[in-house]
PDB file of all heavy atoms in Angstrom:
ATOM      1  N   LYS A   1     -32.670   8.544 -10.012  1.00  0.00           N
ATOM      2  CA  LYS A   1     -31.619   8.447  -9.001  1.00  0.00           C
ATOM      3  C   LYS A   1     -31.951   7.359  -7.989  1.00  0.00           C
ATOM      4  O   LYS A   1     -31.074   6.616  -7.540  1.00  0.00           O
ATOM      5  CB  LYS A   1     -31.432   9.784  -8.299  1.00  0.00           C
ATOM      6  CG  LYS A   1     -30.239   9.786  -7.353  1.00  0.00           C
ATOM      7  CD  LYS A   1     -29.844  11.184  -6.955  1.00  0.00           C
ATOM      8  CE  LYS A   1     -28.558  11.152  -6.127  1.00  0.00           C
ATOM      9  NZ  LYS A   1     -28.093  12.508  -5.760  1.00  0.00           N
ATOM     10  N   LEU A   2     -33.227   7.251  -7.628  1.00  0.00           N
ATOM     11  CA  LEU A   2     -33.644   6.206  -6.698  1.00  0.00           C
ATOM     12  C   LEU A   2     -33.431   4.822  -7.291  1.00  0.00           C
ATOM     13  O   LEU A   2     -33.071   3.876  -6.589  1.00  0.00           O
ATOM     14  CB  LEU A   2     -35.116   6.399  -6.327  1.00  0.00           C
ATOM     15  CG  LEU A   2     -35.415   7.560  -5.382  1.00  0.00           C
ATOM     16  CD1 LEU A   2     -36.902   7.874  -5.387  1.00  0.00           C
ATOM     17  CD2 LEU A   2     -34.945   7.248  -3.975  1.00  0.00           C
ATOM     18  N   LEU A   3     -33.644   4.704  -8.608  1.00  0.00           N
ATOM     19  CA  LEU A   3     -33.447   3.423  -9.279  1.00  0.00           C
ATOM     20  C   LEU A   3     -31.981   3.002  -9.210  1.00  0.00           C
ATOM     21  O   LEU A   3     -31.678   1.816  -9.051  1.00  0.00           O
ATOM     22  CB  LEU A   3     -33.902   3.529 -10.735  1.00  0.00           C
ATOM     23  CG  LEU A   3     -34.092   2.225 -11.517  1.00  0.00           C
ATOM     24  CD1 LEU A   3     -35.199   1.375 -10.899  1.00  0.00           C
ATOM     25  CD2 LEU A   3     -34.426   2.526 -12.976  1.00  0.00           C
ATOM     26  N   LYS A   4     -31.079   3.976  -9.293  1.00  0.00           N
ATOM     27  CA  LYS A   4     -29.650   3.680  -9.251  1.00  0.00           C
ATOM     28  C   LYS A   4     -29.110   3.572  -7.830  1.00  0.00           C
ATOM     29  O   LYS A   4     -28.012   3.055  -7.613  1.00  0.00           O
ATOM     30  CB  LYS A   4     -28.869   4.759 -10.014  1.00  0.00           C
ATOM     31  CG  LYS A   4     -29.133   4.756 -11.509  1.00  0.00           C
ATOM     32  CD  LYS A   4     -28.354   5.848 -12.205  1.00  0.00           C
ATOM     33  CE  LYS A   4     -28.601   5.831 -13.703  1.00  0.00           C
ATOM     34  NZ  LYS A   4     -27.879   6.915 -14.405  1.00  0.00           N
ATOM     35  N   ASN A   5     -29.880   4.073  -6.855  1.00  0.00           N
ATOM     36  CA  ASN A   5     -29.440   4.067  -5.457  1.00  0.00           C
ATOM     37  C   ASN A   5     -30.529   3.483  -4.553  1.00  0.00           C
ATOM     38  O   ASN A   5     -31.128   4.201  -3.740  1.00  0.00           O
ATOM     39  CB  ASN A   5     -29.090   5.493  -5.010  1.00  0.00           C
ATOM     40  CG  ASN A   5     -27.961   6.104  -5.808  1.00  0.00           C
ATOM     41  OD1 ASN A   5     -26.793   5.886  -5.532  1.00  0.00           O
ATOM     42  ND2 ASN A   5     -28.318   6.878  -6.831  1.00  0.00           N
ATOM     43  N   PRO A   6     -30.797   2.192  -4.676  1.00  0.00           N
ATOM     44  CA  PRO A   6     -31.904   1.583  -3.916  1.00  0.00           C
ATOM     45  C   PRO A   6     -31.690   1.557  -2.412  1.00  0.00           C
ATOM     46  O   PRO A   6     -32.624   1.264  -1.659  1.00  0.00           O
ATOM     47  CB  PRO A   6     -31.956   0.156  -4.482  1.00  0.00           C
ATOM     48  CG  PRO A   6     -30.583  -0.103  -5.019  1.00  0.00           C
ATOM     49  CD  PRO A   6     -30.110   1.217  -5.531  1.00  0.00           C
ATOM     50  N   GLU A   7     -30.479   1.914  -1.951  1.00  0.00           N
ATOM     51  CA  GLU A   7     -30.231   1.910  -0.505  1.00  0.00           C
ATOM     52  C   GLU A   7     -31.114   2.917   0.224  1.00  0.00           C
ATOM     53  O   GLU A   7     -31.383   2.775   1.417  1.00  0.00           O
ATOM     54  CB  GLU A   7     -28.756   2.203  -0.195  1.00  0.00           C
ATOM     55  CG  GLU A   7     -28.253   3.567  -0.606  1.00  0.00           C
ATOM     56  CD  GLU A   7     -27.724   3.614  -2.037  1.00  0.00           C
ATOM     57  OE1 GLU A   7     -27.927   2.644  -2.784  1.00  0.00           O
ATOM     58  OE2 GLU A   7     -27.119   4.626  -2.401  1.00  0.00           O
ATOM     59  N   TYR A   8     -31.599   3.950  -0.503  1.00  0.00           N
ATOM     60  CA  TYR A   8     -32.526   4.899   0.120  1.00  0.00           C
ATOM     61  C   TYR A   8     -33.781   4.190   0.623  1.00  0.00           C
ATOM     62  O   TYR A   8     -34.346   4.570   1.639  1.00  0.00           O
ATOM     63  CB  TYR A   8     -32.916   6.002  -0.871  1.00  0.00           C
ATOM     64  CG  TYR A   8     -31.857   7.045  -1.098  1.00  0.00           C
ATOM     65  CD1 TYR A   8     -31.177   7.117  -2.308  1.00  0.00           C
ATOM     66  CD2 TYR A   8     -31.528   7.960  -0.106  1.00  0.00           C
ATOM     67  CE1 TYR A   8     -30.194   8.073  -2.525  1.00  0.00           C
ATOM     68  CE2 TYR A   8     -30.546   8.926  -0.320  1.00  0.00           C
ATOM     69  CZ  TYR A   8     -29.888   8.971  -1.530  1.00  0.00           C
ATOM     70  OH  TYR A   8     -28.915   9.916  -1.741  1.00  0.00           O
ATOM     71  N   PHE A   9     -34.230   3.186  -0.095  1.00  0.00           N
ATOM     72  CA  PHE A   9     -35.429   2.464   0.312  1.00  0.00           C
ATOM     73  C   PHE A   9     -35.177   1.628   1.569  1.00  0.00           C
ATOM     74  O   PHE A   9     -36.102   1.321   2.310  1.00  0.00           O
ATOM     75  CB  PHE A   9     -35.910   1.548  -0.812  1.00  0.00           C
ATOM     76  CG  PHE A   9     -36.489   2.292  -1.994  1.00  0.00           C
ATOM     77  CD1 PHE A   9     -36.267   1.846  -3.280  1.00  0.00           C
ATOM     78  CD2 PHE A   9     -37.267   3.416  -1.810  1.00  0.00           C
ATOM     79  CE1 PHE A   9     -36.809   2.517  -4.374  1.00  0.00           C
ATOM     80  CE2 PHE A   9     -37.811   4.107  -2.891  1.00  0.00           C
ATOM     81  CZ  PHE A   9     -37.576   3.652  -4.174  1.00  0.00           C
ATOM     82  N   ARG A  10     -33.942   1.244   1.788  1.00  0.00           N
ATOM     83  CA  ARG A  10     -33.620   0.426   2.957  1.00  0.00           C
ATOM     84  C   ARG A  10     -33.448   1.272   4.218  1.00  0.00           C
ATOM     85  O   ARG A  10     -33.713   0.811   5.323  1.00  0.00           O
ATOM     86  CB  ARG A  10     -32.327  -0.367   2.711  1.00  0.00           C
ATOM     87  CG  ARG A  10     -32.384  -1.312   1.529  1.00  0.00           C
ATOM     88  CD  ARG A  10     -31.153  -2.220   1.480  1.00  0.00           C
ATOM     89  NE  ARG A  10     -31.048  -2.891   0.194  1.00  0.00           N
ATOM     90  CZ  ARG A  10     -30.274  -2.503  -0.791  1.00  0.00           C
ATOM     91  NH1 ARG A  10     -29.511  -1.444  -0.636  1.00  0.00           N
ATOM     92  NH2 ARG A  10     -30.226  -3.156  -1.932  1.00  0.00           N
ATOM     93  N   THR A  11     -32.990   2.497   4.047  1.00  0.00           N
ATOM     94  CA  THR A  11     -32.633   3.318   5.207  1.00  0.00           C
ATOM     95  C   THR A  11     -33.656   4.398   5.547  1.00  0.00           C
ATOM     96  O   THR A  11     -33.703   4.859   6.688  1.00  0.00           O
ATOM     97  CB  THR A  11     -31.272   4.000   4.971  1.00  0.00           C
ATOM     98  OG1 THR A  11     -31.344   4.812   3.786  1.00  0.00           O
ATOM     99  CG2 THR A  11     -30.176   2.969   4.797  1.00  0.00           C
ATOM    100  N   GLU A  12     -34.495   4.804   4.580  1.00  0.00           N
ATOM    101  CA  GLU A  12     -35.436   5.895   4.812  1.00  0.00           C
ATOM    102  C   GLU A  12     -36.876   5.380   4.782  1.00  0.00           C
ATOM    103  O   GLU A  12     -37.254   4.624   3.901  1.00  0.00           O
ATOM    104  CB  GLU A  12     -35.271   6.997   3.760  1.00  0.00           C
ATOM    105  CG  GLU A  12     -33.860   7.555   3.657  1.00  0.00           C
ATOM    106  CD  GLU A  12     -33.425   8.294   4.912  1.00  0.00           C
ATOM    107  OE1 GLU A  12     -34.302   8.704   5.690  1.00  0.00           O
ATOM    108  OE2 GLU A  12     -32.220   8.445   5.116  1.00  0.00           O
ATOM    109  N   LYS A  13     -37.668   5.799   5.766  1.00  0.00           N
ATOM    110  CA  LYS A  13     -39.050   5.335   5.859  1.00  0.00           C
ATOM    111  C   LYS A  13     -40.071   6.440   5.578  1.00  0.00           C
ATOM    112  O   LYS A  13     -41.206   6.170   5.242  1.00  0.00           O
ATOM    113  CB  LYS A  13     -39.310   4.752   7.255  1.00  0.00           C
ATOM    114  CG  LYS A  13     -38.384   3.590   7.632  1.00  0.00           C
ATOM    115  CD  LYS A  13     -38.520   2.429   6.667  1.00  0.00           C
ATOM    116  CE  LYS A  13     -37.600   1.284   7.042  1.00  0.00           C
ATOM    117  NZ  LYS A  13     -37.609   0.205   6.028  1.00  0.00           N
ATOM    118  N   ASN A  14     -39.644   7.699   5.706  1.00  0.00           N
ATOM    119  CA  ASN A  14     -40.573   8.813   5.562  1.00  0.00           C
ATOM    120  C   ASN A  14     -40.477   9.398   4.153  1.00  0.00           C
ATOM    121  O   ASN A  14     -39.896  10.446   3.926  1.00  0.00           O
ATOM    122  CB  ASN A  14     -40.262   9.889   6.620  1.00  0.00           C
ATOM    123  CG  ASN A  14     -41.317  10.962   6.667  1.00  0.00           C
ATOM    124  OD1 ASN A  14     -42.483  10.726   6.366  1.00  0.00           O
ATOM    125  ND2 ASN A  14     -40.909  12.157   7.051  1.00  0.00           N
ATOM    126  N   LEU A  15     -41.066   8.697   3.190  1.00  0.00           N
ATOM    127  CA  LEU A  15     -40.995   9.100   1.787  1.00  0.00           C
ATOM    128  C   LEU A  15     -42.292   9.814   1.390  1.00  0.00           C
ATOM    129  O   LEU A  15     -43.383   9.284   1.584  1.00  0.00           O
ATOM    130  CB  LEU A  15     -40.786   7.877   0.896  1.00  0.00           C
ATOM    131  CG  LEU A  15     -39.617   6.949   1.271  1.00  0.00           C
ATOM    132  CD1 LEU A  15     -39.562   5.768   0.326  1.00  0.00           C
ATOM    133  CD2 LEU A  15     -38.308   7.712   1.252  1.00  0.00           C
ATOM    134  N   LYS A  16     -42.150  11.013   0.812  1.00  0.00           N
ATOM    135  CA  LYS A  16     -43.311  11.825   0.448  1.00  0.00           C
ATOM    136  C   LYS A  16     -43.298  12.138  -1.050  1.00  0.00           C
ATOM    137  O   LYS A  16     -42.242  12.253  -1.657  1.00  0.00           O
ATOM    138  CB  LYS A  16     -43.303  13.150   1.223  1.00  0.00           C
ATOM    139  CG  LYS A  16     -43.322  13.000   2.742  1.00  0.00           C
ATOM    140  CD  LYS A  16     -44.663  12.524   3.250  1.00  0.00           C
ATOM    141  CE  LYS A  16     -44.705  12.520   4.770  1.00  0.00           C
ATOM    142  NZ  LYS A  16     -46.002  12.044   5.285  1.00  0.00           N
ATOM    143  N   TYR A  17     -44.498  12.287  -1.618  1.00  0.00           N
ATOM    144  CA  TYR A  17     -44.617  12.706  -3.012  1.00  0.00           C
ATOM    145  C   TYR A  17     -45.566  13.887  -3.120  1.00  0.00           C
ATOM    146  O   TYR A  17     -46.344  14.175  -2.197  1.00  0.00           O
ATOM    147  CB  TYR A  17     -45.093  11.548  -3.893  1.00  0.00           C
ATOM    148  CG  TYR A  17     -46.560  11.203  -3.772  1.00  0.00           C
ATOM    149  CD1 TYR A  17     -47.514  11.811  -4.595  1.00  0.00           C
ATOM    150  CD2 TYR A  17     -47.008  10.289  -2.829  1.00  0.00           C
ATOM    151  CE1 TYR A  17     -48.863  11.508  -4.485  1.00  0.00           C
ATOM    152  CE2 TYR A  17     -48.352   9.978  -2.717  1.00  0.00           C
ATOM    153  CZ  TYR A  17     -49.279  10.589  -3.540  1.00  0.00           C
ATOM    154  OH  TYR A  17     -50.615  10.295  -3.413  1.00  0.00           O
ATOM    155  N   GLU A  18     -45.503  14.577  -4.256  1.00  0.00           N
ATOM    156  CA  GLU A  18     -46.400  15.698  -4.527  1.00  0.00           C
ATOM    157  C   GLU A  18     -47.133  15.463  -5.836  1.00  0.00           C
ATOM    158  O   GLU A  18     -46.631  14.762  -6.721  1.00  0.00           O
ATOM    159  CB  GLU A  18     -45.614  17.012  -4.632  1.00  0.00           C
ATOM    160  CG  GLU A  18     -45.225  17.604  -3.311  1.00  0.00           C
ATOM    161  CD  GLU A  18     -44.702  19.030  -3.476  1.00  0.00           C
ATOM    162  OE1 GLU A  18     -43.819  19.236  -4.315  1.00  0.00           O
ATOM    163  OE2 GLU A  18     -45.191  19.919  -2.762  1.00  0.00           O
ATOM    164  N   ASN A  19     -48.291  16.090  -5.968  1.00  0.00           N
ATOM    165  CA  ASN A  19     -49.044  16.015  -7.217  1.00  0.00           C
ATOM    166  C   ASN A  19     -48.585  17.098  -8.188  1.00  0.00           C
ATOM    167  O   ASN A  19     -48.364  18.236  -7.801  1.00  0.00           O
ATOM    168  CB  ASN A  19     -50.544  16.212  -6.954  1.00  0.00           C
ATOM    169  CG  ASN A  19     -51.176  15.001  -6.310  1.00  0.00           C
ATOM    170  OD1 ASN A  19     -50.532  13.974  -6.122  1.00  0.00           O
ATOM    171  ND2 ASN A  19     -52.447  15.117  -5.963  1.00  0.00           N
ATOM    172  N   LEU A  20     -48.482  16.702  -9.466  1.00  0.00           N
ATOM    173  CA  LEU A  20     -48.331  17.695 -10.529  1.00  0.00           C
ATOM    174  C   LEU A  20     -49.706  18.198 -10.950  1.00  0.00           C
ATOM    175  O   LEU A  20     -49.861  19.339 -11.357  1.00  0.00           O
ATOM    176  CB  LEU A  20     -47.618  17.077 -11.730  1.00  0.00           C
ATOM    177  CG  LEU A  20     -46.166  16.653 -11.525  1.00  0.00           C
ATOM    178  CD1 LEU A  20     -45.647  15.947 -12.776  1.00  0.00           C
ATOM    179  CD2 LEU A  20     -45.293  17.848 -11.192  1.00  0.00           C
ATOM    180  N   LYS A  21     -50.699  17.292 -10.856  1.00  0.00           N
ATOM    181  CA  LYS A  21     -52.088  17.622 -11.200  1.00  0.00           C
ATOM    182  C   LYS A  21     -52.996  16.882 -10.237  1.00  0.00           C
ATOM    183  O   LYS A  21     -52.837  15.677 -10.020  1.00  0.00           O
ATOM    184  CB  LYS A  21     -52.400  17.207 -12.641  1.00  0.00           C
ATOM    185  CG  LYS A  21     -53.847  17.458 -13.073  1.00  0.00           C
ATOM    186  CD  LYS A  21     -54.051  17.076 -14.533  1.00  0.00           C
ATOM    187  CE  LYS A  21     -54.207  15.591 -14.729  1.00  0.00           C
ATOM    188  NZ  LYS A  21     -55.536  15.081 -14.350  1.00  0.00           N
ATOM    189  N   ASP A  22     -53.951  17.606  -9.649  1.00  0.00           N
ATOM    190  CA  ASP A  22     -54.898  16.974  -8.740  1.00  0.00           C
ATOM    191  C   ASP A  22     -55.990  16.253  -9.521  1.00  0.00           C
ATOM    192  O   ASP A  22     -56.266  16.571 -10.684  1.00  0.00           O
ATOM    193  CB  ASP A  22     -55.522  18.008  -7.806  1.00  0.00           C
ATOM    194  CG  ASP A  22     -54.520  18.566  -6.806  1.00  0.00           C
ATOM    195  OD1 ASP A  22     -53.568  17.834  -6.481  1.00  0.00           O
ATOM    196  OD2 ASP A  22     -54.689  19.726  -6.379  1.00  0.00           O
ATOM    197  N   GLY A  23     -56.617  15.293  -8.876  1.00  0.00           N
ATOM    198  CA  GLY A  23     -57.708  14.551  -9.496  1.00  0.00           C
ATOM    199  C   GLY A  23     -58.051  13.346  -8.652  1.00  0.00           C
ATOM    200  O   GLY A  23     -57.626  13.226  -7.492  1.00  0.00           O
ATOM    201  N   LYS A  24     -58.841  12.458  -9.218  1.00  0.00           N
ATOM    202  CA  LYS A  24     -59.181  11.220  -8.517  1.00  0.00           C
ATOM    203  C   LYS A  24     -57.913  10.392  -8.307  1.00  0.00           C
ATOM    204  O   LYS A  24     -56.948  10.525  -9.062  1.00  0.00           O
ATOM    205  CB  LYS A  24     -60.199  10.408  -9.332  1.00  0.00           C
ATOM    206  CG  LYS A  24     -61.583  11.033  -9.418  1.00  0.00           C
ATOM    207  CD  LYS A  24     -62.501  10.197 -10.297  1.00  0.00           C
ATOM    208  CE  LYS A  24     -62.725   8.815  -9.710  1.00  0.00           C
ATOM    209  NZ  LYS A  24     -63.674   8.011 -10.553  1.00  0.00           N
ATOM    210  N   ILE A  25     -57.942   9.549  -7.297  1.00  0.00           N
ATOM    211  CA  ILE A  25     -56.784   8.706  -7.003  1.00  0.00           C
ATOM    212  C   ILE A  25     -56.934   7.381  -7.743  1.00  0.00           C
ATOM    213  O   ILE A  25     -57.893   6.639  -7.520  1.00  0.00           O
ATOM    214  CB  ILE A  25     -56.657   8.464  -5.489  1.00  0.00           C
ATOM    215  CG1 ILE A  25     -56.405   9.798  -4.787  1.00  0.00           C
ATOM    216  CG2 ILE A  25     -55.520   7.476  -5.198  1.00  0.00           C
ATOM    217  CD1 ILE A  25     -56.476   9.720  -3.280  1.00  0.00           C
ATOM    218  N   PRO A  26     -56.004   7.062  -8.650  1.00  0.00           N
ATOM    219  CA  PRO A  26     -56.107   5.826  -9.419  1.00  0.00           C
ATOM    220  C   PRO A  26     -55.607   4.629  -8.605  1.00  0.00           C
ATOM    221  O   PRO A  26     -54.878   4.792  -7.629  1.00  0.00           O
ATOM    222  CB  PRO A  26     -55.193   6.078 -10.614  1.00  0.00           C
ATOM    223  CG  PRO A  26     -54.126   6.973 -10.047  1.00  0.00           C
ATOM    224  CD  PRO A  26     -54.806   7.842  -9.025  1.00  0.00           C
ATOM    225  N   PRO A  27     -55.961   3.412  -9.014  1.00  0.00           N
ATOM    226  CA  PRO A  27     -55.461   2.232  -8.296  1.00  0.00           C
ATOM    227  C   PRO A  27     -53.980   1.981  -8.523  1.00  0.00           C
ATOM    228  O   PRO A  27     -53.314   1.363  -7.695  1.00  0.00           O
ATOM    229  CB  PRO A  27     -56.311   1.089  -8.853  1.00  0.00           C
ATOM    230  CG  PRO A  27     -56.739   1.558 -10.214  1.00  0.00           C
ATOM    231  CD  PRO A  27     -56.902   3.048 -10.081  1.00  0.00           C
ATOM    232  N   VAL A  28     -53.464   2.464  -9.656  1.00  0.00           N
ATOM    233  CA  VAL A  28     -52.023   2.377  -9.932  1.00  0.00           C
ATOM    234  C   VAL A  28     -51.556   3.718 -10.478  1.00  0.00           C
ATOM    235  O   VAL A  28     -52.343   4.506 -11.013  1.00  0.00           O
ATOM    236  CB  VAL A  28     -51.672   1.256 -10.945  1.00  0.00           C
ATOM    237  CG1 VAL A  28     -52.063  -0.105 -10.414  1.00  0.00           C
ATOM    238  CG2 VAL A  28     -52.305   1.516 -12.301  1.00  0.00           C
ATOM    239  N   SER A  29     -50.263   3.974 -10.332  1.00  0.00           N
ATOM    240  CA  SER A  29     -49.673   5.191 -10.872  1.00  0.00           C
ATOM    241  C   SER A  29     -48.207   4.882 -11.162  1.00  0.00           C
ATOM    242  O   SER A  29     -47.798   3.721 -11.153  1.00  0.00           O
ATOM    243  CB  SER A  29     -49.820   6.351  -9.873  1.00  0.00           C
ATOM    244  OG  SER A  29     -49.435   7.578 -10.469  1.00  0.00           O
ATOM    245  N   SER A  30     -47.427   5.914 -11.427  1.00  0.00           N
ATOM    246  CA  SER A  30     -46.009   5.687 -11.703  1.00  0.00           C
ATOM    247  C   SER A  30     -45.180   6.823 -11.135  1.00  0.00           C
ATOM    248  O   SER A  30     -45.664   7.949 -10.956  1.00  0.00           O
ATOM    249  CB  SER A  30     -45.747   5.550 -13.203  1.00  0.00           C
ATOM    250  OG  SER A  30     -45.993   6.787 -13.859  1.00  0.00           O
ATOM    251  N   LEU A  31     -43.943   6.512 -10.855  1.00  0.00           N
ATOM    252  CA  LEU A  31     -42.963   7.497 -10.435  1.00  0.00           C
ATOM    253  C   LEU A  31     -42.015   7.652 -11.611  1.00  0.00           C
ATOM    254  O   LEU A  31     -41.128   6.814 -11.829  1.00  0.00           O
ATOM    255  CB  LEU A  31     -42.238   7.001  -9.182  1.00  0.00           C
ATOM    256  CG  LEU A  31     -41.485   8.021  -8.333  1.00  0.00           C
ATOM    257  CD1 LEU A  31     -42.447   9.073  -7.780  1.00  0.00           C
ATOM    258  CD2 LEU A  31     -40.765   7.310  -7.203  1.00  0.00           C
ATOM    259  N   GLY A  32     -42.262   8.692 -12.425  1.00  0.00           N
ATOM    260  CA  GLY A  32     -41.545   8.823 -13.686  1.00  0.00           C
ATOM    261  C   GLY A  32     -41.817   7.604 -14.550  1.00  0.00           C
ATOM    262  O   GLY A  32     -42.938   7.094 -14.598  1.00  0.00           O
ATOM    263  N   SER A  33     -40.788   7.132 -15.230  1.00  0.00           N
ATOM    264  CA  SER A  33     -40.923   5.907 -16.026  1.00  0.00           C
ATOM    265  C   SER A  33     -40.083   4.788 -15.424  1.00  0.00           C
ATOM    266  O   SER A  33     -39.714   3.839 -16.106  1.00  0.00           O
ATOM    267  CB  SER A  33     -40.492   6.165 -17.473  1.00  0.00           C
ATOM    268  OG  SER A  33     -39.138   6.590 -17.517  1.00  0.00           O
ATOM    269  N   SER A  34     -39.802   4.920 -14.121  1.00  0.00           N
ATOM    270  CA  SER A  34     -38.935   3.957 -13.443  1.00  0.00           C
ATOM    271  C   SER A  34     -39.685   2.986 -12.542  1.00  0.00           C
ATOM    272  O   SER A  34     -39.340   1.811 -12.465  1.00  0.00           O
ATOM    273  CB  SER A  34     -37.878   4.697 -12.613  1.00  0.00           C
ATOM    274  OG  SER A  34     -37.086   5.535 -13.421  1.00  0.00           O
ATOM    275  N   PHE A  35     -40.698   3.495 -11.827  1.00  0.00           N
ATOM    276  CA  PHE A  35     -41.390   2.677 -10.832  1.00  0.00           C
ATOM    277  C   PHE A  35     -42.899   2.677 -11.073  1.00  0.00           C
ATOM    278  O   PHE A  35     -43.487   3.698 -11.419  1.00  0.00           O
ATOM    279  CB  PHE A  35     -41.133   3.199  -9.413  1.00  0.00           C
ATOM    280  CG  PHE A  35     -39.711   3.118  -8.968  1.00  0.00           C
ATOM    281  CD1 PHE A  35     -38.891   4.237  -9.032  1.00  0.00           C
ATOM    282  CD2 PHE A  35     -39.174   1.932  -8.486  1.00  0.00           C
ATOM    283  CE1 PHE A  35     -37.560   4.184  -8.621  1.00  0.00           C
ATOM    284  CE2 PHE A  35     -37.852   1.866  -8.069  1.00  0.00           C
ATOM    285  CZ  PHE A  35     -37.048   2.985  -8.134  1.00  0.00           C
ATOM    286  N   ILE A  36     -43.510   1.539 -10.825  1.00  0.00           N
ATOM    287  CA  ILE A  36     -44.967   1.417 -10.830  1.00  0.00           C
ATOM    288  C   ILE A  36     -45.442   1.439  -9.379  1.00  0.00           C
ATOM    289  O   ILE A  36     -44.819   0.841  -8.494  1.00  0.00           O
ATOM    290  CB  ILE A  36     -45.411   0.139 -11.553  1.00  0.00           C
ATOM    291  CG1 ILE A  36     -45.141   0.285 -13.053  1.00  0.00           C
ATOM    292  CG2 ILE A  36     -46.893  -0.160 -11.307  1.00  0.00           C
ATOM    293  CD1 ILE A  36     -45.449  -0.944 -13.873  1.00  0.00           C
ATOM    294  N   LEU A  37     -46.544   2.157  -9.142  1.00  0.00           N
ATOM    295  CA  LEU A  37     -47.099   2.306  -7.803  1.00  0.00           C
ATOM    296  C   LEU A  37     -48.480   1.664  -7.743  1.00  0.00           C
ATOM    297  O   LEU A  37     -49.252   1.741  -8.699  1.00  0.00           O
ATOM    298  CB  LEU A  37     -47.236   3.782  -7.438  1.00  0.00           C
ATOM    299  CG  LEU A  37     -46.074   4.725  -7.763  1.00  0.00           C
ATOM    300  CD1 LEU A  37     -46.443   6.149  -7.385  1.00  0.00           C
ATOM    301  CD2 LEU A  37     -44.817   4.284  -7.040  1.00  0.00           C
ATOM    302  N   PHE A  38     -48.789   1.060  -6.615  1.00  0.00           N
ATOM    303  CA  PHE A  38     -50.115   0.512  -6.359  1.00  0.00           C
ATOM    304  C   PHE A  38     -50.725   1.241  -5.168  1.00  0.00           C
ATOM    305  O   PHE A  38     -50.025   1.551  -4.199  1.00  0.00           O
ATOM    306  CB  PHE A  38     -50.042  -0.982  -6.041  1.00  0.00           C
ATOM    307  CG  PHE A  38     -49.705  -1.847  -7.219  1.00  0.00           C
ATOM    308  CD1 PHE A  38     -48.391  -2.108  -7.551  1.00  0.00           C
ATOM    309  CD2 PHE A  38     -50.714  -2.399  -8.001  1.00  0.00           C
ATOM    310  CE1 PHE A  38     -48.072  -2.913  -8.645  1.00  0.00           C
ATOM    311  CE2 PHE A  38     -50.406  -3.200  -9.094  1.00  0.00           C
ATOM    312  CZ  PHE A  38     -49.085  -3.450  -9.413  1.00  0.00           C
ATOM    313  N   SER A  39     -52.030   1.493  -5.234  1.00  0.00           N
ATOM    314  CA  SER A  39     -52.710   2.089  -4.093  1.00  0.00           C
ATOM    315  C   SER A  39     -52.623   1.150  -2.893  1.00  0.00           C
ATOM    316  O   SER A  39     -52.842  -0.061  -3.010  1.00  0.00           O
ATOM    317  CB  SER A  39     -54.181   2.354  -4.420  1.00  0.00           C
ATOM    318  OG  SER A  39     -54.894   2.688  -3.245  1.00  0.00           O
ATOM    319  N   ALA A  40     -52.328   1.717  -1.735  1.00  0.00           N
ATOM    320  CA  ALA A  40     -52.254   0.916  -0.510  1.00  0.00           C
ATOM    321  C   ALA A  40     -53.628   0.426  -0.085  1.00  0.00           C
ATOM    322  O   ALA A  40     -53.730  -0.450   0.794  1.00  0.00           O
ATOM    323  CB  ALA A  40     -51.619   1.733   0.608  1.00  0.00           C
ATOM    324  N   LEU A  41     -54.686   0.963  -0.699  1.00  0.00           N
ATOM    325  CA  LEU A  41     -56.048   0.561  -0.335  1.00  0.00           C
ATOM    326  C   LEU A  41     -56.497  -0.725  -1.034  1.00  0.00           C
ATOM    327  O   LEU A  41     -57.552  -1.272  -0.701  1.00  0.00           O
ATOM    328  CB  LEU A  41     -57.036   1.687  -0.680  1.00  0.00           C
ATOM    329  CG  LEU A  41     -56.812   3.018   0.070  1.00  0.00           C
ATOM    330  CD1 LEU A  41     -57.791   4.065  -0.439  1.00  0.00           C
ATOM    331  CD2 LEU A  41     -56.944   2.820   1.567  1.00  0.00           C
ATOM    332  N   ILE A  42     -55.720  -1.207  -2.001  1.00  0.00           N
ATOM    333  CA  ILE A  42     -56.092  -2.439  -2.711  1.00  0.00           C
ATOM    334  C   ILE A  42     -56.003  -3.615  -1.737  1.00  0.00           C
ATOM    335  O   ILE A  42     -54.962  -3.860  -1.123  1.00  0.00           O
ATOM    336  CB  ILE A  42     -55.184  -2.687  -3.925  1.00  0.00           C
ATOM    337  CG1 ILE A  42     -55.324  -1.548  -4.942  1.00  0.00           C
ATOM    338  CG2 ILE A  42     -55.514  -4.027  -4.583  1.00  0.00           C
ATOM    339  CD1 ILE A  42     -54.353  -1.644  -6.110  1.00  0.00           C
ATOM    340  N   GLU A  43     -57.104  -4.325  -1.612  1.00  0.00           N
ATOM    341  CA  GLU A  43     -57.149  -5.454  -0.684  1.00  0.00           C
ATOM    342  C   GLU A  43     -56.167  -6.549  -1.112  1.00  0.00           C
ATOM    343  O   GLU A  43     -56.048  -6.860  -2.291  1.00  0.00           O
ATOM    344  CB  GLU A  43     -58.571  -6.024  -0.647  1.00  0.00           C
ATOM    345  CG  GLU A  43     -58.804  -7.041   0.444  1.00  0.00           C
ATOM    346  CD  GLU A  43     -60.248  -7.515   0.504  1.00  0.00           C
ATOM    347  OE1 GLU A  43     -61.078  -7.004  -0.282  1.00  0.00           O
ATOM    348  OE2 GLU A  43     -60.540  -8.400   1.334  1.00  0.00           O
ATOM    349  N   ASN A  44     -55.447  -7.085  -0.137  1.00  0.00           N
ATOM    350  CA  ASN A  44     -54.475  -8.177  -0.349  1.00  0.00           C
ATOM    351  C   ASN A  44     -53.291  -7.767  -1.228  1.00  0.00           C
ATOM    352  O   ASN A  44     -52.637  -8.634  -1.823  1.00  0.00           O
ATOM    353  CB  ASN A  44     -55.154  -9.418  -0.948  1.00  0.00           C
ATOM    354  CG  ASN A  44     -56.192 -10.014  -0.015  1.00  0.00           C
ATOM    355  OD1 ASN A  44     -55.995 -10.058   1.198  1.00  0.00           O
ATOM    356  ND2 ASN A  44     -57.306 -10.467  -0.574  1.00  0.00           N
TER     357      ASN A  44
END
């Protein structure tokens, strides 16, 4: 739904996620099969 309605990213700043499974934090992850995520701790 977010992929089809990108205006949410323009208007909302307080976006939260939950874990399905706990574990170590990887440098990259994904939100379903729509978005790729990068750790905010990666330098530059």
